[in-house]
Amino acid sequence: MKKHIPNAITCANLFSGCVGIVFAFKGELEIAAYFVLLSGVFDFFDGMVARLLHVKSAIGKELDSLADMVSFGFLPGVVMFQLLKTSDYSSEYLPYLGFIITVFSALRLAKFNIDERQTEEFIGLNTPMNTLFIVSLPFIAKDYPTVIGSSILLLAIVAITSFLLVSEIKIFSLKFSNMTWAKNKFKFIFLILSALLIAFLQFVAVPFVLVLYIALSVLHFKNESSKIK
């Protein structure tokens, strides 16, 4: 029975992503964002539970990627589609460029499945973090409608995030093998600063959190590399 628990959690991730997509297509992007957060919680715990119960399996790995493709691949593409649809450049074809994020998310997940370097770290931006950034944009638009309503900015975001998804930039995972400061100082710094940013700025903090995540990852791996030398 216990071997099915992690897969059930993964299926909950998938289900949550499907519901989020429905709301995103209806234009209720803020509700869709909350379902992304819920999917993220399920995505975090499925692997943890599998490790705790010692029931990791090949089907679990494949199911996880399929669920992520929906929740963190298709869903952010739909959100960007809706944002471009209401942007300052009126064109019936422009919004479809939002699904470039979906395409590159698929490439990212396929690459992750066959890349043996990504057992303890990421090569390229992970899809949940990218999705969290994309779904934060409708919230930011409340305070900065002209900025987020710019089609040029939105297309730039599509291009930059798509590049980051398949880039060779090393990104640390937030999974902890131990809780020592020496081994995890950059992760702890990231979590502390992110919590402070979110506490003060709420969803507006997410773009800064993304930049912080990438910057601290670069410093972390640069530090690790210097230790080896």
C-alpha atoms as a PDB file:
ATOM      1  CA  MET A   1       0.000   0.000   0.000  1.00  0.00           C
ATOM      2  CA  LYS A   2       2.737   2.451   0.952  1.00  0.00           C
ATOM      3  CA  LYS A   3       4.345   2.258  -2.494  1.00  0.00           C
ATOM      4  CA  HIS A   4       1.291   4.037  -3.939  1.00  0.00           C
ATOM      5  CA  ILE A   5       1.415   7.004  -1.535  1.00  0.00           C
ATOM      6  CA  PRO A   6       4.086   9.045  -3.392  1.00  0.00           C
ATOM      7  CA  ASN A   7       2.323   8.458  -6.728  1.00  0.00           C
ATOM      8  CA  ALA A   8      -0.971   9.555  -5.186  1.00  0.00           C
ATOM      9  CA  ILE A   9       0.693  12.809  -4.091  1.00  0.00           C
ATOM     10  CA  THR A  10       2.083  13.258  -7.614  1.00  0.00           C
ATOM     11  CA  CYS A  11      -1.410  12.720  -9.021  1.00  0.00           C
ATOM     12  CA  ALA A  12      -2.652  15.428  -6.651  1.00  0.00           C
ATOM     13  CA  ASN A  13      -0.052  17.728  -8.218  1.00  0.00           C
ATOM     14  CA  LEU A  14      -1.418  16.843 -11.657  1.00  0.00           C
ATOM     15  CA  PHE A  15      -5.031  17.328 -10.585  1.00  0.00           C
ATOM     16  CA  SER A  16      -4.259  20.710  -9.038  1.00  0.00           C
ATOM     17  CA  GLY A  17      -2.488  21.789 -12.224  1.00  0.00           C
ATOM     18  CA  CYS A  18      -5.497  20.787 -14.339  1.00  0.00           C
ATOM     19  CA  VAL A  19      -7.845  22.842 -12.165  1.00  0.00           C
ATOM     20  CA  GLY A  20      -5.441  25.772 -12.332  1.00  0.00           C
ATOM     21  CA  ILE A  21      -5.465  25.589 -16.137  1.00  0.00           C
ATOM     22  CA  VAL A  22      -9.258  25.788 -16.197  1.00  0.00           C
ATOM     23  CA  PHE A  23      -9.161  28.982 -14.137  1.00  0.00           C
ATOM     24  CA  ALA A  24      -6.326  30.377 -16.269  1.00  0.00           C
ATOM     25  CA  PHE A  25      -8.339  29.864 -19.470  1.00  0.00           C
ATOM     26  CA  LYS A  26     -11.266  31.616 -17.797  1.00  0.00           C
ATOM     27  CA  GLY A  27      -8.975  34.592 -17.138  1.00  0.00           C
ATOM     28  CA  GLU A  28      -8.976  34.056 -13.368  1.00  0.00           C
ATOM     29  CA  LEU A  29      -5.191  34.113 -13.182  1.00  0.00           C
ATOM     30  CA  GLU A  30      -4.894  34.802  -9.473  1.00  0.00           C
ATOM     31  CA  ILE A  31      -6.892  31.686  -8.596  1.00  0.00           C
ATOM     32  CA  ALA A  32      -4.756  29.738 -11.066  1.00  0.00           C
ATOM     33  CA  ALA A  33      -1.665  30.964  -9.205  1.00  0.00           C
ATOM     34  CA  TYR A  34      -2.915  29.499  -5.938  1.00  0.00           C
ATOM     35  CA  PHE A  35      -3.355  26.128  -7.617  1.00  0.00           C
ATOM     36  CA  VAL A  36       0.239  26.416  -8.838  1.00  0.00           C
ATOM     37  CA  LEU A  37       1.328  26.895  -5.231  1.00  0.00           C
ATOM     38  CA  LEU A  38      -0.701  23.838  -4.251  1.00  0.00           C
ATOM     39  CA  SER A  39       0.920  21.824  -7.042  1.00  0.00           C
ATOM     40  CA  GLY A  40       4.305  23.002  -5.795  1.00  0.00           C
ATOM     41  CA  VAL A  41       3.549  21.684  -2.316  1.00  0.00           C
ATOM     42  CA  PHE A  42       2.559  18.282  -3.712  1.00  0.00           C
ATOM     43  CA  ASP A  43       5.627  18.273  -5.983  1.00  0.00           C
ATOM     44  CA  PHE A  44       7.905  18.912  -3.016  1.00  0.00           C
ATOM     45  CA  PHE A  45       6.417  16.196  -0.837  1.00  0.00           C
ATOM     46  CA  ASP A  46       6.050  13.352  -3.346  1.00  0.00           C
ATOM     47  CA  GLY A  47       9.804  12.858  -3.658  1.00  0.00           C
ATOM     48  CA  MET A  48      10.353  13.340   0.066  1.00  0.00           C
ATOM     49  CA  VAL A  49       7.722  10.738   0.933  1.00  0.00           C
ATOM     50  CA  ALA A  50       9.178   8.304  -1.623  1.00  0.00           C
ATOM     51  CA  ARG A  51      12.598   8.631   0.003  1.00  0.00           C
ATOM     52  CA  LEU A  52      11.233   8.284   3.536  1.00  0.00           C
ATOM     53  CA  LEU A  53       9.236   5.168   2.638  1.00  0.00           C
ATOM     54  CA  HIS A  54      12.039   3.784   0.424  1.00  0.00           C
ATOM     55  CA  VAL A  55       9.626   3.244  -2.439  1.00  0.00           C
ATOM     56  CA  LYS A  56      11.219   5.202  -5.278  1.00  0.00           C
ATOM     57  CA  SER A  57      10.266   3.707  -8.639  1.00  0.00           C
ATOM     58  CA  ALA A  58      10.705   4.241 -12.367  1.00  0.00           C
ATOM     59  CA  ILE A  59       6.989   4.870 -12.857  1.00  0.00           C
ATOM     60  CA  GLY A  60       7.096   7.470 -10.086  1.00  0.00           C
ATOM     61  CA  LYS A  61       9.837   9.376 -11.897  1.00  0.00           C
ATOM     62  CA  GLU A  62       7.928   9.342 -15.184  1.00  0.00           C
ATOM     63  CA  LEU A  63       4.640  10.274 -13.516  1.00  0.00           C
ATOM     64  CA  ASP A  64       6.353  13.175 -11.775  1.00  0.00           C
ATOM     65  CA  SER A  65       7.570  14.582 -15.103  1.00  0.00           C
ATOM     66  CA  LEU A  66       4.139  14.203 -16.697  1.00  0.00           C
ATOM     67  CA  ALA A  67       2.493  15.991 -13.761  1.00  0.00           C
ATOM     68  CA  ASP A  68       5.120  18.750 -13.868  1.00  0.00           C
ATOM     69  CA  MET A  69       4.529  19.197 -17.582  1.00  0.00           C
ATOM     70  CA  VAL A  70       0.913  20.073 -16.860  1.00  0.00           C
ATOM     71  CA  SER A  71       1.336  22.105 -13.675  1.00  0.00           C
ATOM     72  CA  PHE A  72       4.655  23.784 -14.487  1.00  0.00           C
ATOM     73  CA  GLY A  73       4.696  23.616 -18.277  1.00  0.00           C
ATOM     74  CA  PHE A  74       1.250  24.016 -19.788  1.00  0.00           C
ATOM     75  CA  LEU A  75      -0.226  26.152 -16.993  1.00  0.00           C
ATOM     76  CA  PRO A  76       2.394  28.963 -17.163  1.00  0.00           C
ATOM     77  CA  GLY A  77       1.997  28.948 -20.940  1.00  0.00           C
ATOM     78  CA  VAL A  78      -1.737  29.566 -20.535  1.00  0.00           C
ATOM     79  CA  VAL A  79      -1.078  32.379 -18.038  1.00  0.00           C
ATOM     80  CA  MET A  80       1.337  34.062 -20.445  1.00  0.00           C
ATOM     81  CA  PHE A  81      -1.173  33.541 -23.269  1.00  0.00           C
ATOM     82  CA  GLN A  82      -3.773  35.463 -21.246  1.00  0.00           C
ATOM     83  CA  LEU A  83      -1.327  38.222 -20.311  1.00  0.00           C
ATOM     84  CA  LEU A  84      -0.324  38.746 -23.941  1.00  0.00           C
ATOM     85  CA  LYS A  85      -3.989  38.663 -24.916  1.00  0.00           C
ATOM     86  CA  THR A  86      -4.630  41.742 -22.773  1.00  0.00           C
ATOM     87  CA  SER A  87      -1.305  43.487 -23.461  1.00  0.00           C
ATOM     88  CA  ASP A  88      -0.869  46.834 -25.206  1.00  0.00           C
ATOM     89  CA  TYR A  89      -0.262  45.283 -28.639  1.00  0.00           C
ATOM     90  CA  SER A  90      -3.516  44.045 -30.081  1.00  0.00           C
ATOM     91  CA  SER A  91      -3.026  41.001 -32.295  1.00  0.00           C
ATOM     92  CA  GLU A  92      -4.943  37.752 -32.469  1.00  0.00           C
ATOM     93  CA  TYR A  93      -1.729  35.821 -33.070  1.00  0.00           C
ATOM     94  CA  LEU A  94       0.602  37.387 -30.475  1.00  0.00           C
ATOM     95  CA  PRO A  95      -0.805  35.555 -27.410  1.00  0.00           C
ATOM     96  CA  TYR A  96       0.137  32.155 -28.828  1.00  0.00           C
ATOM     97  CA  LEU A  97       3.802  33.039 -28.343  1.00  0.00           C
ATOM     98  CA  GLY A  98       3.161  32.500 -24.647  1.00  0.00           C
ATOM     99  CA  PHE A  99       3.183  28.767 -25.294  1.00  0.00           C
ATOM    100  CA  ILE A 100       6.888  28.977 -26.138  1.00  0.00           C
ATOM    101  CA  ILE A 101       7.272  28.669 -22.359  1.00  0.00           C
ATOM    102  CA  THR A 102       5.381  25.370 -22.530  1.00  0.00           C
ATOM    103  CA  VAL A 103       7.628  24.093 -25.319  1.00  0.00           C
ATOM    104  CA  PHE A 104      10.832  24.948 -23.466  1.00  0.00           C
ATOM    105  CA  SER A 105       9.429  23.526 -20.230  1.00  0.00           C
ATOM    106  CA  ALA A 106       8.934  20.220 -22.074  1.00  0.00           C
ATOM    107  CA  LEU A 107      12.513  20.383 -23.342  1.00  0.00           C
ATOM    108  CA  ARG A 108      13.709  21.160 -19.837  1.00  0.00           C
ATOM    109  CA  LEU A 109      11.856  18.197 -18.293  1.00  0.00           C
ATOM    110  CA  ALA A 110      13.017  15.801 -21.028  1.00  0.00           C
ATOM    111  CA  LYS A 111      16.594  16.982 -20.550  1.00  0.00           C
ATOM    112  CA  PHE A 112      16.312  16.518 -16.786  1.00  0.00           C
ATOM    113  CA  ASN A 113      15.150  12.902 -17.178  1.00  0.00           C
ATOM    114  CA  ILE A 114      18.217  11.836 -19.143  1.00  0.00           C
ATOM    115  CA  ASP A 115      20.862  14.128 -17.636  1.00  0.00           C
ATOM    116  CA  GLU A 116      22.813  12.172 -15.020  1.00  0.00           C
ATOM    117  CA  ARG A 117      24.421  15.394 -13.749  1.00  0.00           C
ATOM    118  CA  GLN A 118      21.114  16.506 -12.228  1.00  0.00           C
ATOM    119  CA  THR A 119      20.801  14.056  -9.356  1.00  0.00           C
ATOM    120  CA  GLU A 120      21.586  16.605  -6.611  1.00  0.00           C
ATOM    121  CA  GLU A 121      21.414  19.897  -8.496  1.00  0.00           C
ATOM    122  CA  PHE A 122      19.748  21.449 -11.531  1.00  0.00           C
ATOM    123  CA  ILE A 123      21.299  22.363 -14.842  1.00  0.00           C
ATOM    124  CA  GLY A 124      19.075  25.191 -16.005  1.00  0.00           C
ATOM    125  CA  LEU A 125      16.189  26.820 -14.178  1.00  0.00           C
ATOM    126  CA  ASN A 126      13.723  24.313 -12.749  1.00  0.00           C
ATOM    127  CA  THR A 127      10.133  24.492 -14.009  1.00  0.00           C
ATOM    128  CA  PRO A 128       8.419  25.081 -10.614  1.00  0.00           C
ATOM    129  CA  MET A 129      10.512  28.199  -9.930  1.00  0.00           C
ATOM    130  CA  ASN A 130       9.928  29.476 -13.452  1.00  0.00           C
ATOM    131  CA  THR A 131       6.187  28.892 -13.109  1.00  0.00           C
ATOM    132  CA  LEU A 132       6.075  30.682  -9.768  1.00  0.00           C
ATOM    133  CA  PHE A 133       7.628  33.697 -11.470  1.00  0.00           C
ATOM    134  CA  ILE A 134       5.176  33.624 -14.388  1.00  0.00           C
ATOM    135  CA  VAL A 135       2.078  33.322 -12.194  1.00  0.00           C
ATOM    136  CA  SER A 136       3.274  36.209 -10.009  1.00  0.00           C
ATOM    137  CA  LEU A 137       2.927  38.617 -12.950  1.00  0.00           C
ATOM    138  CA  PRO A 138      -0.885  39.045 -12.711  1.00  0.00           C
ATOM    139  CA  PHE A 139      -0.479  40.048  -9.058  1.00  0.00           C
ATOM    140  CA  ILE A 140       2.284  42.516  -9.918  1.00  0.00           C
ATOM    141  CA  ALA A 141       0.038  43.914 -12.660  1.00  0.00           C
ATOM    142  CA  LYS A 142      -2.333  45.178  -9.981  1.00  0.00           C
ATOM    143  CA  ASP A 143       0.247  47.739  -8.852  1.00  0.00           C
ATOM    144  CA  TYR A 144       2.096  48.154 -12.146  1.00  0.00           C
ATOM    145  CA  PRO A 145      -0.489  47.623 -14.923  1.00  0.00           C
ATOM    146  CA  THR A 146       1.390  49.561 -17.603  1.00  0.00           C
ATOM    147  CA  VAL A 147       4.600  47.633 -16.945  1.00  0.00           C
ATOM    148  CA  ILE A 148       3.102  44.128 -17.010  1.00  0.00           C
ATOM    149  CA  GLY A 149       0.769  45.223 -19.799  1.00  0.00           C
ATOM    150  CA  SER A 150       3.733  45.839 -22.095  1.00  0.00           C
ATOM    151  CA  SER A 151       3.864  43.227 -24.840  1.00  0.00           C
ATOM    152  CA  ILE A 152       7.574  43.927 -25.336  1.00  0.00           C
ATOM    153  CA  LEU A 153       8.317  43.155 -21.690  1.00  0.00           C
ATOM    154  CA  LEU A 154       6.162  40.016 -21.747  1.00  0.00           C
ATOM    155  CA  LEU A 155       7.869  38.718 -24.900  1.00  0.00           C
ATOM    156  CA  ALA A 156      11.244  39.471 -23.301  1.00  0.00           C
ATOM    157  CA  ILE A 157      10.171  37.409 -20.281  1.00  0.00           C
ATOM    158  CA  VAL A 158       9.144  34.559 -22.602  1.00  0.00           C
ATOM    159  CA  ALA A 159      12.555  34.654 -24.316  1.00  0.00           C
ATOM    160  CA  ILE A 160      14.642  34.968 -21.137  1.00  0.00           C
ATOM    161  CA  THR A 161      12.822  32.323 -19.122  1.00  0.00           C
ATOM    162  CA  SER A 162      12.813  29.902 -22.060  1.00  0.00           C
ATOM    163  CA  PHE A 163      16.578  30.337 -22.357  1.00  0.00           C
ATOM    164  CA  LEU A 164      17.087  29.829 -18.615  1.00  0.00           C
ATOM    165  CA  LEU A 165      15.053  26.601 -18.658  1.00  0.00           C
ATOM    166  CA  VAL A 166      17.449  24.882 -21.073  1.00  0.00           C
ATOM    167  CA  SER A 167      20.640  26.748 -20.172  1.00  0.00           C
ATOM    168  CA  GLU A 168      23.768  25.175 -18.671  1.00  0.00           C
ATOM    169  CA  ILE A 169      23.592  27.380 -15.572  1.00  0.00           C
ATOM    170  CA  LYS A 170      23.928  25.297 -12.408  1.00  0.00           C
ATOM    171  CA  ILE A 171      21.097  25.888  -9.930  1.00  0.00           C
ATOM    172  CA  PHE A 172      21.133  24.398  -6.458  1.00  0.00           C
ATOM    173  CA  SER A 173      18.260  22.235  -5.308  1.00  0.00           C
ATOM    174  CA  LEU A 174      16.420  23.147  -2.106  1.00  0.00           C
ATOM    175  CA  LYS A 175      16.597  19.554  -0.915  1.00  0.00           C
ATOM    176  CA  PHE A 176      18.852  19.215   2.147  1.00  0.00           C
ATOM    177  CA  SER A 177      21.028  16.147   2.714  1.00  0.00           C
ATOM    178  CA  ASN A 178      22.052  17.657   6.060  1.00  0.00           C
ATOM    179  CA  MET A 179      21.370  20.878   7.963  1.00  0.00           C
ATOM    180  CA  THR A 180      24.928  22.138   8.500  1.00  0.00           C
ATOM    181  CA  TRP A 181      25.673  25.798   7.748  1.00  0.00           C
ATOM    182  CA  ALA A 182      28.978  25.020   5.995  1.00  0.00           C
ATOM    183  CA  LYS A 183      27.327  22.798   3.389  1.00  0.00           C
ATOM    184  CA  ASN A 184      24.146  24.805   2.943  1.00  0.00           C
ATOM    185  CA  LYS A 185      24.989  28.444   3.692  1.00  0.00           C
ATOM    186  CA  PHE A 186      23.866  29.729   0.284  1.00  0.00           C
ATOM    187  CA  LYS A 187      20.601  27.810   0.563  1.00  0.00           C
ATOM    188  CA  PHE A 188      19.965  29.220   4.039  1.00  0.00           C
ATOM    189  CA  ILE A 189      20.802  32.751   2.859  1.00  0.00           C
ATOM    190  CA  PHE A 190      18.407  32.314  -0.052  1.00  0.00           C
ATOM    191  CA  LEU A 191      15.560  31.077   2.150  1.00  0.00           C
ATOM    192  CA  ILE A 192      16.044  33.842   4.740  1.00  0.00           C
ATOM    193  CA  LEU A 193      16.276  36.665   2.177  1.00  0.00           C
ATOM    194  CA  SER A 194      13.371  35.239   0.173  1.00  0.00           C
ATOM    195  CA  ALA A 195      11.182  35.080   3.283  1.00  0.00           C
ATOM    196  CA  LEU A 196      11.996  38.711   4.083  1.00  0.00           C
ATOM    197  CA  LEU A 197      11.309  39.865   0.529  1.00  0.00           C
ATOM    198  CA  ILE A 198       7.975  38.047   0.385  1.00  0.00           C
ATOM    199  CA  ALA A 199       6.989  39.351   3.830  1.00  0.00           C
ATOM    200  CA  PHE A 200       7.518  42.956   2.725  1.00  0.00           C
ATOM    201  CA  LEU A 201       6.683  42.824  -0.988  1.00  0.00           C
ATOM    202  CA  GLN A 202       4.424  39.750  -1.295  1.00  0.00           C
ATOM    203  CA  PHE A 203       4.040  38.664  -4.955  1.00  0.00           C
ATOM    204  CA  VAL A 204       6.081  41.657  -6.162  1.00  0.00           C
ATOM    205  CA  ALA A 205       9.039  39.959  -4.467  1.00  0.00           C
ATOM    206  CA  VAL A 206       8.971  36.912  -6.759  1.00  0.00           C
ATOM    207  CA  PRO A 207      11.069  38.401  -9.616  1.00  0.00           C
ATOM    208  CA  PHE A 208      13.674  39.456  -7.045  1.00  0.00           C
ATOM    209  CA  VAL A 209      13.568  35.976  -5.508  1.00  0.00           C
ATOM    210  CA  LEU A 210      14.213  34.454  -8.937  1.00  0.00           C
ATOM    211  CA  VAL A 211      17.229  36.714  -9.551  1.00  0.00           C
ATOM    212  CA  LEU A 212      18.485  35.963  -6.029  1.00  0.00           C
ATOM    213  CA  TYR A 213      18.103  32.222  -6.637  1.00  0.00           C
ATOM    214  CA  ILE A 214      20.192  32.318  -9.785  1.00  0.00           C
ATOM    215  CA  ALA A 215      22.829  34.682  -8.335  1.00  0.00           C
ATOM    216  CA  LEU A 216      23.325  32.648  -5.149  1.00  0.00           C
ATOM    217  CA  SER A 217      23.445  29.425  -7.178  1.00  0.00           C
ATOM    218  CA  VAL A 218      26.268  30.858  -9.289  1.00  0.00           C
ATOM    219  CA  LEU A 219      28.134  31.905  -6.118  1.00  0.00           C
ATOM    220  CA  HIS A 220      27.503  28.512  -4.515  1.00  0.00           C
ATOM    221  CA  PHE A 221      28.954  26.509  -7.384  1.00  0.00           C
ATOM    222  CA  LYS A 222      31.807  28.966  -7.847  1.00  0.00           C
ATOM    223  CA  ASN A 223      32.634  28.455  -4.173  1.00  0.00           C
ATOM    224  CA  GLU A 224      32.413  24.665  -4.543  1.00  0.00           C
ATOM    225  CA  SER A 225      34.676  24.795  -7.583  1.00  0.00           C
ATOM    226  CA  SER A 226      37.318  26.852  -5.754  1.00  0.00           C
ATOM    227  CA  LYS A 227      37.337  24.290  -2.909  1.00  0.00           C
ATOM    228  CA  ILE A 228      38.127  21.495  -5.361  1.00  0.00           C
ATOM    229  CA  LYS A 229      41.018  23.464  -6.845  1.00  0.00           C
END
